[in-house]
């Protein structure tokens, strides 16, 4: 499990900030399957490209009817709690060509697994929606939704769907859902929007293939610049 975490909380969010990912070859080391990297250490992304249309991934091409039905059901559950899904998340998860693309690029076997609304263990009225998990549940990513309309991406080593079901059934787990301090430490902010999370995840997993396969010559400028953030002046 990763063990490096940001030492400061984002004031507007209330959680520590860290990016959970694997290595980028010689450009960024990783001691385990995953590492928690200080969010401030990451290469900056151009926020102007995050318009909710995912043009950097080719844009949307048609809808997946099954996913539309699932997202409509989820949206209905959230509406009953005065919450809503961010539109970029809905666009991605219902698009026939975008849905599952994070699974396809993942080098650690991550897969899309969208949960029903899960109550936040630290903020009454806020909810988590799991959307992506590591194949061995080393890390799980969630939308974090607040009644104010604020929505961002967090990750945790805890599967809160399992945790709440175990609590309901009287089963013991290693986590104490009633310990707010423990739970706040277990939830880490990692992106201000779903699209920004998806973009960084997509970039880093593509780069992993390139740097570990020794195939850097064909990298587009955006990915090349991402690597140069870690090794300025090094030719990729």
C-alpha atoms as a PDB file:
ATOM      1  CA  UNK A   1       0.000   0.000   0.000  1.00  0.00           C
ATOM      2  CA  UNK A   2       1.151   3.570  -0.640  1.00  0.00           C
ATOM      3  CA  UNK A   3       2.145   5.649   2.342  1.00  0.00           C
ATOM      4  CA  UNK A   4       3.123   9.118   1.127  1.00  0.00           C
ATOM      5  CA  UNK A   5       0.417  11.687   1.636  1.00  0.00           C
ATOM      6  CA  UNK A   6       0.012  15.418   1.408  1.00  0.00           C
ATOM      7  CA  UNK A   7       0.686  17.249   4.616  1.00  0.00           C
ATOM      8  CA  UNK A   8      -1.905  19.978   4.082  1.00  0.00           C
ATOM      9  CA  UNK A   9      -5.615  19.999   3.432  1.00  0.00           C
ATOM     10  CA  UNK A  10      -7.256  22.008   0.678  1.00  0.00           C
ATOM     11  CA  UNK A  11      -9.259  24.665   2.558  1.00  0.00           C
ATOM     12  CA  UNK A  12     -12.312  24.512   0.307  1.00  0.00           C
ATOM     13  CA  UNK A  13     -12.446  20.729   0.386  1.00  0.00           C
ATOM     14  CA  UNK A  14     -11.359  19.631   3.849  1.00  0.00           C
ATOM     15  CA  UNK A  15      -9.369  16.547   2.810  1.00  0.00           C
ATOM     16  CA  UNK A  16      -5.670  15.994   2.360  1.00  0.00           C
ATOM     17  CA  UNK A  17      -4.610  16.001  -1.280  1.00  0.00           C
ATOM     18  CA  UNK A  18      -2.608  13.253  -2.976  1.00  0.00           C
ATOM     19  CA  UNK A  19      -2.480  11.494  -6.326  1.00  0.00           C
ATOM     20  CA  UNK A  20      -2.434   7.696  -6.149  1.00  0.00           C
ATOM     21  CA  UNK A  21      -0.688   6.020  -9.073  1.00  0.00           C
ATOM     22  CA  UNK A  22       2.174   3.795 -10.129  1.00  0.00           C
ATOM     23  CA  UNK A  23       5.631   4.566 -11.529  1.00  0.00           C
ATOM     24  CA  UNK A  24       6.630   6.417 -14.667  1.00  0.00           C
ATOM     25  CA  UNK A  25       9.812   4.439 -15.163  1.00  0.00           C
ATOM     26  CA  UNK A  26      12.970   6.382 -14.357  1.00  0.00           C
ATOM     27  CA  UNK A  27      10.998   9.626 -14.373  1.00  0.00           C
ATOM     28  CA  UNK A  28       9.009   8.873 -11.213  1.00  0.00           C
ATOM     29  CA  UNK A  29       9.708   5.993  -8.864  1.00  0.00           C
ATOM     30  CA  UNK A  30       7.107   3.883  -7.061  1.00  0.00           C
ATOM     31  CA  UNK A  31       8.011   1.645  -4.118  1.00  0.00           C
ATOM     32  CA  UNK A  32       4.918  -0.526  -4.294  1.00  0.00           C
ATOM     33  CA  UNK A  33       2.110  -1.177  -6.782  1.00  0.00           C
ATOM     34  CA  UNK A  34       0.900   2.335  -5.979  1.00  0.00           C
ATOM     35  CA  UNK A  35       2.333   5.412  -4.352  1.00  0.00           C
ATOM     36  CA  UNK A  36       0.672   8.518  -2.974  1.00  0.00           C
ATOM     37  CA  UNK A  37       2.339  11.505  -4.592  1.00  0.00           C
ATOM     38  CA  UNK A  38       2.052  15.026  -3.243  1.00  0.00           C
ATOM     39  CA  UNK A  39      -0.563  16.706  -5.390  1.00  0.00           C
ATOM     40  CA  UNK A  40       1.589  19.819  -5.602  1.00  0.00           C
ATOM     41  CA  UNK A  41       4.379  17.744  -7.194  1.00  0.00           C
ATOM     42  CA  UNK A  42       2.313  16.735 -10.230  1.00  0.00           C
ATOM     43  CA  UNK A  43       2.694  18.280 -13.676  1.00  0.00           C
ATOM     44  CA  UNK A  44       0.038  20.991 -14.199  1.00  0.00           C
ATOM     45  CA  UNK A  45      -2.766  20.327 -16.656  1.00  0.00           C
ATOM     46  CA  UNK A  46      -4.355  22.825 -19.025  1.00  0.00           C
ATOM     47  CA  UNK A  47      -7.777  23.417 -17.484  1.00  0.00           C
ATOM     48  CA  UNK A  48      -9.032  25.025 -20.705  1.00  0.00           C
ATOM     49  CA  UNK A  49      -9.364  21.588 -22.298  1.00  0.00           C
ATOM     50  CA  UNK A  50     -11.797  20.358 -19.648  1.00  0.00           C
ATOM     51  CA  UNK A  51     -15.059  21.418 -21.237  1.00  0.00           C
ATOM     52  CA  UNK A  52     -17.034  18.259 -20.488  1.00  0.00           C
ATOM     53  CA  UNK A  53     -16.830  17.038 -24.095  1.00  0.00           C
ATOM     54  CA  UNK A  54     -13.650  14.925 -23.765  1.00  0.00           C
ATOM     55  CA  UNK A  55     -12.227  16.171 -27.061  1.00  0.00           C
ATOM     56  CA  UNK A  56      -8.766  15.098 -25.888  1.00  0.00           C
ATOM     57  CA  UNK A  57     -10.117  11.518 -26.018  1.00  0.00           C
ATOM     58  CA  UNK A  58     -11.828  11.954 -29.375  1.00  0.00           C
ATOM     59  CA  UNK A  59     -15.143  13.278 -28.080  1.00  0.00           C
ATOM     60  CA  UNK A  60     -18.375  11.322 -27.737  1.00  0.00           C
ATOM     61  CA  UNK A  61     -19.860   9.115 -30.442  1.00  0.00           C
ATOM     62  CA  UNK A  62     -23.297   7.819 -29.531  1.00  0.00           C
ATOM     63  CA  UNK A  63     -24.872   6.594 -26.323  1.00  0.00           C
ATOM     64  CA  UNK A  64     -24.750   3.220 -24.598  1.00  0.00           C
ATOM     65  CA  UNK A  65     -28.423   2.476 -23.750  1.00  0.00           C
ATOM     66  CA  UNK A  66     -27.562   0.169 -20.859  1.00  0.00           C
ATOM     67  CA  UNK A  67     -25.294   2.778 -19.288  1.00  0.00           C
ATOM     68  CA  UNK A  68     -27.891   5.497 -19.829  1.00  0.00           C
ATOM     69  CA  UNK A  69     -30.423   3.420 -17.878  1.00  0.00           C
ATOM     70  CA  UNK A  70     -27.954   2.768 -15.054  1.00  0.00           C
ATOM     71  CA  UNK A  71     -26.956   6.416 -14.777  1.00  0.00           C
ATOM     72  CA  UNK A  72     -30.609   7.498 -14.825  1.00  0.00           C
ATOM     73  CA  UNK A  73     -31.323   5.165 -11.901  1.00  0.00           C
ATOM     74  CA  UNK A  74     -28.314   6.514 -10.021  1.00  0.00           C
ATOM     75  CA  UNK A  75     -29.331  10.102 -10.750  1.00  0.00           C
ATOM     76  CA  UNK A  76     -32.804   9.364  -9.400  1.00  0.00           C
ATOM     77  CA  UNK A  77     -31.371   7.990  -6.154  1.00  0.00           C
ATOM     78  CA  UNK A  78     -29.210  11.068  -5.772  1.00  0.00           C
ATOM     79  CA  UNK A  79     -32.036  13.486  -6.601  1.00  0.00           C
ATOM     80  CA  UNK A  80     -33.991  12.052  -3.662  1.00  0.00           C
ATOM     81  CA  UNK A  81     -31.067  13.230  -1.528  1.00  0.00           C
ATOM     82  CA  UNK A  82     -30.899  16.656  -3.194  1.00  0.00           C
ATOM     83  CA  UNK A  83     -27.709  15.680  -5.001  1.00  0.00           C
ATOM     84  CA  UNK A  84     -26.780  15.347  -8.672  1.00  0.00           C
ATOM     85  CA  UNK A  85     -24.075  13.779 -10.797  1.00  0.00           C
ATOM     86  CA  UNK A  86     -21.627  16.127 -12.507  1.00  0.00           C
ATOM     87  CA  UNK A  87     -22.374  16.321 -16.216  1.00  0.00           C
ATOM     88  CA  UNK A  88     -18.842  15.371 -17.294  1.00  0.00           C
ATOM     89  CA  UNK A  89     -19.209  12.093 -15.394  1.00  0.00           C
ATOM     90  CA  UNK A  90     -22.582  11.373 -17.020  1.00  0.00           C
ATOM     91  CA  UNK A  91     -21.205  12.189 -20.482  1.00  0.00           C
ATOM     92  CA  UNK A  92     -18.238   9.857 -20.068  1.00  0.00           C
ATOM     93  CA  UNK A  93     -20.094   6.950 -18.473  1.00  0.00           C
ATOM     94  CA  UNK A  94     -22.956   6.943 -21.008  1.00  0.00           C
ATOM     95  CA  UNK A  95     -20.855   7.449 -24.143  1.00  0.00           C
ATOM     96  CA  UNK A  96     -20.609   4.361 -26.339  1.00  0.00           C
ATOM     97  CA  UNK A  97     -16.959   5.046 -27.162  1.00  0.00           C
ATOM     98  CA  UNK A  98     -15.729   6.551 -23.875  1.00  0.00           C
ATOM     99  CA  UNK A  99     -17.244   4.190 -21.304  1.00  0.00           C
ATOM    100  CA  UNK A 100     -14.605   1.696 -20.165  1.00  0.00           C
ATOM    101  CA  UNK A 101     -11.684   3.560 -21.737  1.00  0.00           C
ATOM    102  CA  UNK A 102      -9.980   3.981 -18.363  1.00  0.00           C
ATOM    103  CA  UNK A 103     -10.148   0.215 -17.891  1.00  0.00           C
ATOM    104  CA  UNK A 104      -8.549  -0.303 -21.293  1.00  0.00           C
ATOM    105  CA  UNK A 105      -5.579   1.970 -20.599  1.00  0.00           C
ATOM    106  CA  UNK A 106      -4.989   0.931 -16.966  1.00  0.00           C
ATOM    107  CA  UNK A 107      -1.679  -0.849 -16.391  1.00  0.00           C
ATOM    108  CA  UNK A 108      -2.707  -2.132 -12.961  1.00  0.00           C
ATOM    109  CA  UNK A 109      -5.983  -3.792 -13.926  1.00  0.00           C
ATOM    110  CA  UNK A 110      -8.339  -1.048 -12.724  1.00  0.00           C
ATOM    111  CA  UNK A 111     -11.954  -1.462 -13.766  1.00  0.00           C
ATOM    112  CA  UNK A 112     -15.123   0.611 -13.805  1.00  0.00           C
ATOM    113  CA  UNK A 113     -17.538  -0.303 -11.017  1.00  0.00           C
ATOM    114  CA  UNK A 114     -20.216   2.308 -10.323  1.00  0.00           C
ATOM    115  CA  UNK A 115     -21.919   2.057  -6.937  1.00  0.00           C
ATOM    116  CA  UNK A 116     -25.145   3.388  -5.565  1.00  0.00           C
ATOM    117  CA  UNK A 117     -24.872   6.502  -3.327  1.00  0.00           C
ATOM    118  CA  UNK A 118     -22.829   5.778  -0.202  1.00  0.00           C
ATOM    119  CA  UNK A 119     -23.105   8.169   2.759  1.00  0.00           C
ATOM    120  CA  UNK A 120     -19.972  10.087   3.607  1.00  0.00           C
ATOM    121  CA  UNK A 121     -18.598   8.875   6.962  1.00  0.00           C
ATOM    122  CA  UNK A 122     -17.456  12.405   7.820  1.00  0.00           C
ATOM    123  CA  UNK A 123     -20.100  14.809   6.446  1.00  0.00           C
ATOM    124  CA  UNK A 124     -23.835  14.269   6.953  1.00  0.00           C
ATOM    125  CA  UNK A 125     -25.691  14.977   3.707  1.00  0.00           C
ATOM    126  CA  UNK A 126     -22.683  14.270   1.471  1.00  0.00           C
ATOM    127  CA  UNK A 127     -22.325  11.047  -0.500  1.00  0.00           C
ATOM    128  CA  UNK A 128     -19.708   8.980  -2.289  1.00  0.00           C
ATOM    129  CA  UNK A 129     -20.214   7.223  -5.614  1.00  0.00           C
ATOM    130  CA  UNK A 130     -17.555   4.632  -6.413  1.00  0.00           C
ATOM    131  CA  UNK A 131     -16.613   4.573 -10.101  1.00  0.00           C
ATOM    132  CA  UNK A 132     -13.212   2.893 -10.457  1.00  0.00           C
ATOM    133  CA  UNK A 133     -11.318   0.289  -8.462  1.00  0.00           C
ATOM    134  CA  UNK A 134      -8.001  -1.500  -8.578  1.00  0.00           C
ATOM    135  CA  UNK A 135      -8.291  -5.207  -9.374  1.00  0.00           C
ATOM    136  CA  UNK A 136      -7.091  -6.068  -5.857  1.00  0.00           C
ATOM    137  CA  UNK A 137      -8.832  -3.109  -4.195  1.00  0.00           C
ATOM    138  CA  UNK A 138      -5.529  -1.476  -3.247  1.00  0.00           C
ATOM    139  CA  UNK A 139      -7.177   1.827  -4.113  1.00  0.00           C
ATOM    140  CA  UNK A 140     -10.738   2.819  -4.980  1.00  0.00           C
ATOM    141  CA  UNK A 141     -11.837   6.086  -6.589  1.00  0.00           C
ATOM    142  CA  UNK A 142     -15.092   7.912  -5.810  1.00  0.00           C
ATOM    143  CA  UNK A 143     -17.040  10.982  -6.765  1.00  0.00           C
ATOM    144  CA  UNK A 144     -17.570  13.043  -3.619  1.00  0.00           C
ATOM    145  CA  UNK A 145     -20.894  14.888  -3.810  1.00  0.00           C
ATOM    146  CA  UNK A 146     -22.102  17.673  -1.537  1.00  0.00           C
ATOM    147  CA  UNK A 147     -25.563  19.190  -1.281  1.00  0.00           C
ATOM    148  CA  UNK A 148     -24.007  22.549  -2.238  1.00  0.00           C
ATOM    149  CA  UNK A 149     -23.492  21.102  -5.712  1.00  0.00           C
ATOM    150  CA  UNK A 150     -19.759  20.709  -5.186  1.00  0.00           C
ATOM    151  CA  UNK A 151     -18.351  17.535  -6.758  1.00  0.00           C
ATOM    152  CA  UNK A 152     -14.760  16.304  -6.897  1.00  0.00           C
ATOM    153  CA  UNK A 153     -12.790  13.062  -7.013  1.00  0.00           C
ATOM    154  CA  UNK A 154     -11.303  11.300  -4.003  1.00  0.00           C
ATOM    155  CA  UNK A 155      -9.636   7.960  -3.437  1.00  0.00           C
ATOM    156  CA  UNK A 156      -9.383   5.621  -0.483  1.00  0.00           C
ATOM    157  CA  UNK A 157      -8.092   2.190   0.454  1.00  0.00           C
ATOM    158  CA  UNK A 158     -11.571   1.474   1.826  1.00  0.00           C
ATOM    159  CA  UNK A 159     -14.488   0.033  -0.116  1.00  0.00           C
ATOM    160  CA  UNK A 160     -17.253   1.992   1.571  1.00  0.00           C
ATOM    161  CA  UNK A 161     -19.993  -0.128   0.065  1.00  0.00           C
ATOM    162  CA  UNK A 162     -18.509  -3.157   1.849  1.00  0.00           C
ATOM    163  CA  UNK A 163     -17.834  -1.146   5.017  1.00  0.00           C
ATOM    164  CA  UNK A 164     -21.426   0.039   5.340  1.00  0.00           C
ATOM    165  CA  UNK A 165     -22.857  -3.394   4.544  1.00  0.00           C
ATOM    166  CA  UNK A 166     -20.597  -4.980   7.156  1.00  0.00           C
ATOM    167  CA  UNK A 167     -21.651  -2.400   9.742  1.00  0.00           C
ATOM    168  CA  UNK A 168     -25.317  -3.023   8.931  1.00  0.00           C
ATOM    169  CA  UNK A 169     -24.850  -6.771   9.300  1.00  0.00           C
ATOM    170  CA  UNK A 170     -22.931  -6.462  12.548  1.00  0.00           C
ATOM    171  CA  UNK A 171     -19.674  -7.729  11.055  1.00  0.00           C
ATOM    172  CA  UNK A 172     -16.319  -6.445  12.255  1.00  0.00           C
ATOM    173  CA  UNK A 173     -13.904  -4.714   9.872  1.00  0.00           C
ATOM    174  CA  UNK A 174     -10.538  -3.054  10.321  1.00  0.00           C
ATOM    175  CA  UNK A 175     -12.155   0.345   9.902  1.00  0.00           C
ATOM    176  CA  UNK A 176     -14.302   2.242  12.416  1.00  0.00           C
ATOM    177  CA  UNK A 177     -16.897   4.203  10.457  1.00  0.00           C
ATOM    178  CA  UNK A 178     -17.833   6.134  13.582  1.00  0.00           C
ATOM    179  CA  UNK A 179     -14.305   7.508  13.983  1.00  0.00           C
ATOM    180  CA  UNK A 180     -14.506  10.738  11.977  1.00  0.00           C
ATOM    181  CA  UNK A 181     -10.791  11.468  12.298  1.00  0.00           C
ATOM    182  CA  UNK A 182      -9.854   8.008  11.000  1.00  0.00           C
ATOM    183  CA  UNK A 183     -12.289   8.270   8.121  1.00  0.00           C
ATOM    184  CA  UNK A 184     -11.204  11.757   7.086  1.00  0.00           C
ATOM    185  CA  UNK A 185      -7.611  10.504   6.919  1.00  0.00           C
ATOM    186  CA  UNK A 186      -8.747   7.569   4.751  1.00  0.00           C
ATOM    187  CA  UNK A 187     -10.287   9.843   2.087  1.00  0.00           C
ATOM    188  CA  UNK A 188      -7.871  11.787  -0.101  1.00  0.00           C
ATOM    189  CA  UNK A 189      -8.771  14.480  -2.631  1.00  0.00           C
ATOM    190  CA  UNK A 190      -7.140  13.921  -6.038  1.00  0.00           C
ATOM    191  CA  UNK A 191      -8.924  15.981  -8.718  1.00  0.00           C
ATOM    192  CA  UNK A 192     -11.320  18.946  -8.879  1.00  0.00           C
ATOM    193  CA  UNK A 193     -13.466  17.257 -11.550  1.00  0.00           C
ATOM    194  CA  UNK A 194     -14.035  13.846 -13.082  1.00  0.00           C
ATOM    195  CA  UNK A 195     -12.695  14.949 -16.469  1.00  0.00           C
ATOM    196  CA  UNK A 196      -9.452  16.198 -14.971  1.00  0.00           C
ATOM    197  CA  UNK A 197      -9.053  12.912 -13.072  1.00  0.00           C
ATOM    198  CA  UNK A 198      -9.737  10.899 -16.232  1.00  0.00           C
ATOM    199  CA  UNK A 199      -7.269  12.971 -18.247  1.00  0.00           C
ATOM    200  CA  UNK A 200      -4.390  12.583 -15.783  1.00  0.00           C
ATOM    201  CA  UNK A 201      -5.158   8.864 -15.357  1.00  0.00           C
ATOM    202  CA  UNK A 202      -5.176   8.434 -19.154  1.00  0.00           C
ATOM    203  CA  UNK A 203      -1.914  10.350 -19.593  1.00  0.00           C
ATOM    204  CA  UNK A 204      -0.037   8.510 -16.865  1.00  0.00           C
ATOM    205  CA  UNK A 205      -1.105   5.028 -17.916  1.00  0.00           C
ATOM    206  CA  UNK A 206      -0.176   5.727 -21.543  1.00  0.00           C
ATOM    207  CA  UNK A 207       3.169   7.074 -20.375  1.00  0.00           C
ATOM    208  CA  UNK A 208       3.795   3.949 -18.303  1.00  0.00           C
ATOM    209  CA  UNK A 209       3.546   1.839 -21.457  1.00  0.00           C
ATOM    210  CA  UNK A 210       5.870   4.213 -23.316  1.00  0.00           C
ATOM    211  CA  UNK A 211       8.591   4.549 -20.691  1.00  0.00           C
ATOM    212  CA  UNK A 212       8.587   0.904 -19.646  1.00  0.00           C
ATOM    213  CA  UNK A 213       8.481  -0.244 -23.260  1.00  0.00           C
ATOM    214  CA  UNK A 214      11.259   2.111 -24.314  1.00  0.00           C
ATOM    215  CA  UNK A 215       9.016   3.691 -26.914  1.00  0.00           C
ATOM    216  CA  UNK A 216       9.169   7.434 -26.310  1.00  0.00           C
ATOM    217  CA  UNK A 217       9.933   8.694 -29.794  1.00  0.00           C
ATOM    218  CA  UNK A 218       6.305   8.768 -30.919  1.00  0.00           C
ATOM    219  CA  UNK A 219       4.912  10.577 -27.886  1.00  0.00           C
ATOM    220  CA  UNK A 220       2.780  13.618 -28.637  1.00  0.00           C
ATOM    221  CA  UNK A 221       4.029  16.933 -27.183  1.00  0.00           C
ATOM    222  CA  UNK A 222       1.566  16.926 -24.270  1.00  0.00           C
ATOM    223  CA  UNK A 223       2.801  13.584 -22.963  1.00  0.00           C
ATOM    224  CA  UNK A 224       6.434  14.494 -23.614  1.00  0.00           C
ATOM    225  CA  UNK A 225       6.005  17.689 -21.598  1.00  0.00           C
ATOM    226  CA  UNK A 226       4.425  15.709 -18.769  1.00  0.00           C
ATOM    227  CA  UNK A 227       7.587  13.611 -18.476  1.00  0.00           C
ATOM    228  CA  UNK A 228       9.843  16.649 -18.709  1.00  0.00           C
ATOM    229  CA  UNK A 229       8.185  18.023 -15.581  1.00  0.00           C
ATOM    230  CA  UNK A 230      10.002  15.265 -13.695  1.00  0.00           C
ATOM    231  CA  UNK A 231      13.289  15.452 -15.636  1.00  0.00           C
ATOM    232  CA  UNK A 232      13.721  18.899 -17.210  1.00  0.00           C
ATOM    233  CA  UNK A 233      16.086  18.894 -20.130  1.00  0.00           C
ATOM    234  CA  UNK A 234      16.047  15.125 -20.550  1.00  0.00           C
ATOM    235  CA  UNK A 235      15.298  14.073 -24.109  1.00  0.00           C
ATOM    236  CA  UNK A 236      12.352  11.682 -24.329  1.00  0.00           C
END
